Amino acid sequence: MTRDDLREIRSLGWLQQSMFGVGTFLFSGAFWLFCSIVAEQKTFEFTSWMGMCVISMICGVALGAVGLTLFGMKQKRLNKYFPTDPV
């Protein structure tokens, strides 16, 4: 394993975890707020708060996807050196 590989894995670890964490936080909070707003209405009317919830959910999914992509890159690099199938 090269020194550059270890440096890259170390530098992307915290970024991957924090992006996925923030993404899930944004998505889950906005989703439940959206559900709460819809439940309190007698007839469905799309409000600006609902729009903000949708935007937050989209941003949360995007951040989560980037975090998962970085995790996949890290796992791919580690699997190159530590294969799961022993030969």
N, C-alpha and C. Protein backbone atom coordinates (compact mmCIF):
# COMPACT_ATOMS: atom_id res chain seq x y z
N MET A 1 0.85 -1.16 0.00
CA MET A 1 0.00 0.00 0.00
C MET A 1 0.90 1.23 0.00
N THR A 2 0.62 2.12 -0.90
CA THR A 2 1.48 3.29 -1.01
C THR A 2 1.09 4.36 0.01
N ARG A 3 2.02 5.22 0.26
CA ARG A 3 1.79 6.32 1.20
C ARG A 3 0.68 7.26 0.69
N ASP A 4 0.63 7.47 -0.63
CA ASP A 4 -0.40 8.34 -1.20
C ASP A 4 -1.80 7.74 -1.03
N ASP A 5 -1.91 6.43 -1.17
CA ASP A 5 -3.21 5.77 -0.96
C ASP A 5 -3.69 5.95 0.47
N LEU A 6 -2.79 5.75 1.43
CA LEU A 6 -3.16 5.93 2.83
C LEU A 6 -3.54 7.38 3.13
N ARG A 7 -2.83 8.31 2.56
CA ARG A 7 -3.12 9.74 2.76
C ARG A 7 -4.50 10.08 2.19
N GLU A 8 -4.81 9.54 1.01
CA GLU A 8 -6.11 9.81 0.40
C GLU A 8 -7.25 9.20 1.22
N ILE A 9 -7.07 7.99 1.69
CA ILE A 9 -8.10 7.34 2.51
C ILE A 9 -8.31 8.13 3.80
N ARG A 10 -7.23 8.57 4.42
CA ARG A 10 -7.34 9.34 5.66
C ARG A 10 -8.03 10.68 5.42
N SER A 11 -7.73 11.33 4.33
CA SER A 11 -8.28 12.67 4.09
C SER A 11 -9.74 12.62 3.67
N LEU A 12 -10.19 11.56 3.04
CA LEU A 12 -11.58 11.49 2.59
C LEU A 12 -12.52 10.87 3.62
N GLY A 13 -11.98 10.23 4.66
CA GLY A 13 -12.82 9.55 5.63
C GLY A 13 -13.78 10.48 6.36
N TRP A 14 -13.27 11.56 6.92
CA TRP A 14 -14.12 12.48 7.68
C TRP A 14 -15.11 13.19 6.76
N LEU A 15 -14.67 13.49 5.53
CA LEU A 15 -15.54 14.17 4.59
C LEU A 15 -16.71 13.29 4.19
N GLN A 16 -16.43 12.02 3.93
CA GLN A 16 -17.47 11.07 3.55
C GLN A 16 -18.49 10.91 4.68
N GLN A 17 -18.03 10.75 5.88
CA GLN A 17 -18.93 10.55 7.01
C GLN A 17 -19.76 11.79 7.31
N SER A 18 -19.14 12.94 7.26
CA SER A 18 -19.88 14.17 7.58
C SER A 18 -20.90 14.50 6.50
N MET A 19 -20.56 14.29 5.23
CA MET A 19 -21.53 14.58 4.17
C MET A 19 -22.73 13.66 4.25
N PHE A 20 -22.50 12.38 4.51
CA PHE A 20 -23.61 11.45 4.64
C PHE A 20 -24.46 11.79 5.88
N GLY A 21 -23.81 12.15 6.97
CA GLY A 21 -24.53 12.51 8.19
C GLY A 21 -25.39 13.75 8.02
N VAL A 22 -24.83 14.78 7.43
CA VAL A 22 -25.59 16.02 7.19
C VAL A 22 -26.72 15.76 6.20
N GLY A 23 -26.45 14.95 5.18
CA GLY A 23 -27.49 14.63 4.20
C GLY A 23 -28.67 13.90 4.81
N THR A 24 -28.39 12.91 5.64
CA THR A 24 -29.50 12.18 6.28
C THR A 24 -30.24 13.07 7.27
N PHE A 25 -29.52 13.95 7.95
CA PHE A 25 -30.16 14.88 8.88
C PHE A 25 -31.12 15.81 8.14
N LEU A 26 -30.64 16.39 7.04
CA LEU A 26 -31.49 17.30 6.26
C LEU A 26 -32.71 16.58 5.70
N PHE A 27 -32.49 15.40 5.12
CA PHE A 27 -33.60 14.68 4.51
C PHE A 27 -34.63 14.27 5.56
N SER A 28 -34.18 13.68 6.65
CA SER A 28 -35.14 13.17 7.63
C SER A 28 -35.92 14.30 8.30
N GLY A 29 -35.24 15.39 8.65
CA GLY A 29 -35.94 16.51 9.27
C GLY A 29 -36.94 17.16 8.34
N ALA A 30 -36.55 17.37 7.09
CA ALA A 30 -37.45 17.99 6.12
C ALA A 30 -38.62 17.08 5.78
N PHE A 31 -38.36 15.78 5.71
CA PHE A 31 -39.42 14.83 5.40
C PHE A 31 -40.50 14.84 6.49
N TRP A 32 -40.07 14.78 7.74
CA TRP A 32 -41.06 14.76 8.83
C TRP A 32 -41.77 16.10 8.97
N LEU A 33 -41.09 17.20 8.73
CA LEU A 33 -41.76 18.49 8.76
C LEU A 33 -42.79 18.59 7.64
N PHE A 34 -42.43 18.09 6.45
CA PHE A 34 -43.36 18.07 5.32
C PHE A 34 -44.60 17.25 5.67
N CYS A 35 -44.38 16.07 6.25
CA CYS A 35 -45.52 15.22 6.66
C CYS A 35 -46.37 15.90 7.71
N SER A 36 -45.76 16.59 8.65
CA SER A 36 -46.49 17.30 9.69
C SER A 36 -47.33 18.44 9.11
N ILE A 37 -46.76 19.16 8.17
CA ILE A 37 -47.50 20.27 7.54
C ILE A 37 -48.68 19.73 6.76
N VAL A 38 -48.48 18.64 6.03
CA VAL A 38 -49.57 18.05 5.25
C VAL A 38 -50.66 17.52 6.18
N ALA A 39 -50.30 16.93 7.30
CA ALA A 39 -51.28 16.37 8.23
C ALA A 39 -52.12 17.45 8.90
N GLU A 40 -51.58 18.63 9.08
CA GLU A 40 -52.31 19.70 9.75
C GLU A 40 -53.28 20.43 8.82
N GLN A 41 -53.15 20.22 7.51
CA GLN A 41 -54.03 20.91 6.57
C GLN A 41 -55.34 20.15 6.40
N LYS A 42 -56.42 20.91 6.24
CA LYS A 42 -57.72 20.29 5.95
C LYS A 42 -57.80 19.90 4.47
N THR A 43 -57.37 20.80 3.60
CA THR A 43 -57.28 20.50 2.17
C THR A 43 -55.84 20.76 1.75
N PHE A 44 -55.35 19.94 0.82
CA PHE A 44 -53.95 20.07 0.42
C PHE A 44 -53.72 21.37 -0.34
N GLU A 45 -52.76 22.14 0.15
CA GLU A 45 -52.34 23.37 -0.51
C GLU A 45 -50.83 23.46 -0.37
N PHE A 46 -50.13 23.54 -1.50
CA PHE A 46 -48.66 23.59 -1.48
C PHE A 46 -48.23 24.98 -1.02
N THR A 47 -47.53 25.04 0.10
CA THR A 47 -47.10 26.33 0.67
C THR A 47 -45.60 26.51 0.48
N SER A 48 -45.12 27.68 0.83
CA SER A 48 -43.69 27.95 0.69
C SER A 48 -42.87 27.10 1.66
N TRP A 49 -43.43 26.80 2.83
CA TRP A 49 -42.72 25.93 3.77
C TRP A 49 -42.57 24.53 3.20
N MET A 50 -43.57 24.08 2.50
CA MET A 50 -43.48 22.77 1.86
C MET A 50 -42.41 22.79 0.76
N GLY A 51 -42.32 23.89 0.05
CA GLY A 51 -41.29 24.03 -0.96
C GLY A 51 -39.90 23.98 -0.35
N MET A 52 -39.72 24.64 0.79
CA MET A 52 -38.42 24.60 1.48
C MET A 52 -38.11 23.19 1.95
N CYS A 53 -39.13 22.45 2.37
CA CYS A 53 -38.91 21.06 2.78
C CYS A 53 -38.46 20.21 1.59
N VAL A 54 -39.08 20.42 0.44
CA VAL A 54 -38.70 19.67 -0.76
C VAL A 54 -37.27 20.01 -1.16
N ILE A 55 -36.91 21.28 -1.11
CA ILE A 55 -35.54 21.68 -1.44
C ILE A 55 -34.55 21.06 -0.46
N SER A 56 -34.88 21.05 0.82
CA SER A 56 -33.99 20.45 1.83
C SER A 56 -33.87 18.94 1.62
N MET A 57 -34.96 18.29 1.24
CA MET A 57 -34.88 16.85 0.98
C MET A 57 -33.99 16.57 -0.23
N ILE A 58 -34.11 17.38 -1.26
CA ILE A 58 -33.26 17.19 -2.45
C ILE A 58 -31.79 17.40 -2.09
N CYS A 59 -31.51 18.45 -1.32
CA CYS A 59 -30.12 18.70 -0.89
C CYS A 59 -29.61 17.57 0.00
N GLY A 60 -30.47 17.05 0.86
CA GLY A 60 -30.08 15.93 1.71
C GLY A 60 -29.75 14.69 0.92
N VAL A 61 -30.56 14.39 -0.10
CA VAL A 61 -30.28 13.23 -0.95
C VAL A 61 -28.98 13.44 -1.72
N ALA A 62 -28.75 14.66 -2.19
CA ALA A 62 -27.52 14.93 -2.94
C ALA A 62 -26.29 14.77 -2.04
N LEU A 63 -26.34 15.32 -0.83
CA LEU A 63 -25.20 15.17 0.08
C LEU A 63 -24.99 13.72 0.47
N GLY A 64 -26.08 13.00 0.72
CA GLY A 64 -25.96 11.58 1.05
C GLY A 64 -25.36 10.78 -0.09
N ALA A 65 -25.76 11.10 -1.31
CA ALA A 65 -25.22 10.39 -2.48
C ALA A 65 -23.73 10.66 -2.64
N VAL A 66 -23.31 11.90 -2.42
CA VAL A 66 -21.88 12.21 -2.50
C VAL A 66 -21.11 11.46 -1.41
N GLY A 67 -21.68 11.42 -0.21
CA GLY A 67 -21.04 10.68 0.88
C GLY A 67 -20.91 9.20 0.57
N LEU A 68 -21.97 8.61 0.01
CA LEU A 68 -21.90 7.19 -0.36
C LEU A 68 -20.92 6.95 -1.49
N THR A 69 -20.83 7.88 -2.43
CA THR A 69 -19.87 7.74 -3.52
C THR A 69 -18.45 7.78 -2.99
N LEU A 70 -18.16 8.70 -2.07
CA LEU A 70 -16.83 8.76 -1.47
C LEU A 70 -16.53 7.49 -0.68
N PHE A 71 -17.54 6.95 -0.01
CA PHE A 71 -17.36 5.70 0.72
C PHE A 71 -17.03 4.56 -0.25
N GLY A 72 -17.75 4.52 -1.37
CA GLY A 72 -17.48 3.50 -2.38
C GLY A 72 -16.08 3.59 -2.94
N MET A 73 -15.62 4.82 -3.16
CA MET A 73 -14.25 5.02 -3.65
C MET A 73 -13.23 4.50 -2.63
N LYS A 74 -13.49 4.78 -1.35
CA LYS A 74 -12.58 4.33 -0.30
C LYS A 74 -12.57 2.80 -0.21
N GLN A 75 -13.75 2.19 -0.27
CA GLN A 75 -13.83 0.74 -0.20
C GLN A 75 -13.16 0.08 -1.40
N LYS A 76 -13.33 0.67 -2.57
CA LYS A 76 -12.70 0.13 -3.78
C LYS A 76 -11.18 0.15 -3.64
N ARG A 77 -10.67 1.25 -3.11
CA ARG A 77 -9.23 1.36 -2.91
C ARG A 77 -8.75 0.35 -1.88
N LEU A 78 -9.49 0.17 -0.79
CA LEU A 78 -9.10 -0.79 0.23
C LEU A 78 -9.23 -2.23 -0.27
N ASN A 79 -10.26 -2.51 -1.05
CA ASN A 79 -10.44 -3.86 -1.58
C ASN A 79 -9.33 -4.25 -2.55
N LYS A 80 -8.68 -3.27 -3.13
CA LYS A 80 -7.55 -3.55 -4.02
C LYS A 80 -6.40 -4.18 -3.23
N TYR A 81 -6.23 -3.74 -1.99
CA TYR A 81 -5.14 -4.25 -1.16
C TYR A 81 -5.57 -5.39 -0.24
N PHE A 82 -6.84 -5.41 0.13
CA PHE A 82 -7.35 -6.46 1.01
C PHE A 82 -8.58 -7.10 0.36
N PRO A 83 -8.37 -8.01 -0.58
CA PRO A 83 -9.51 -8.63 -1.26
C PRO A 83 -10.33 -9.48 -0.30
N THR A 84 -11.63 -9.55 -0.57
CA THR A 84 -12.51 -10.33 0.30
C THR A 84 -12.41 -11.82 0.02
N ASP A 85 -12.03 -12.21 -1.19
CA ASP A 85 -11.86 -13.62 -1.54
C ASP A 85 -10.39 -14.00 -1.41
N PRO A 86 -10.04 -14.83 -0.43
CA PRO A 86 -8.63 -15.21 -0.30
C PRO A 86 -8.22 -16.11 -1.47
N VAL A 87 -7.05 -15.86 -1.98
CA VAL A 87 -6.55 -16.64 -3.12
C VAL A 87 -5.44 -17.55 -2.70
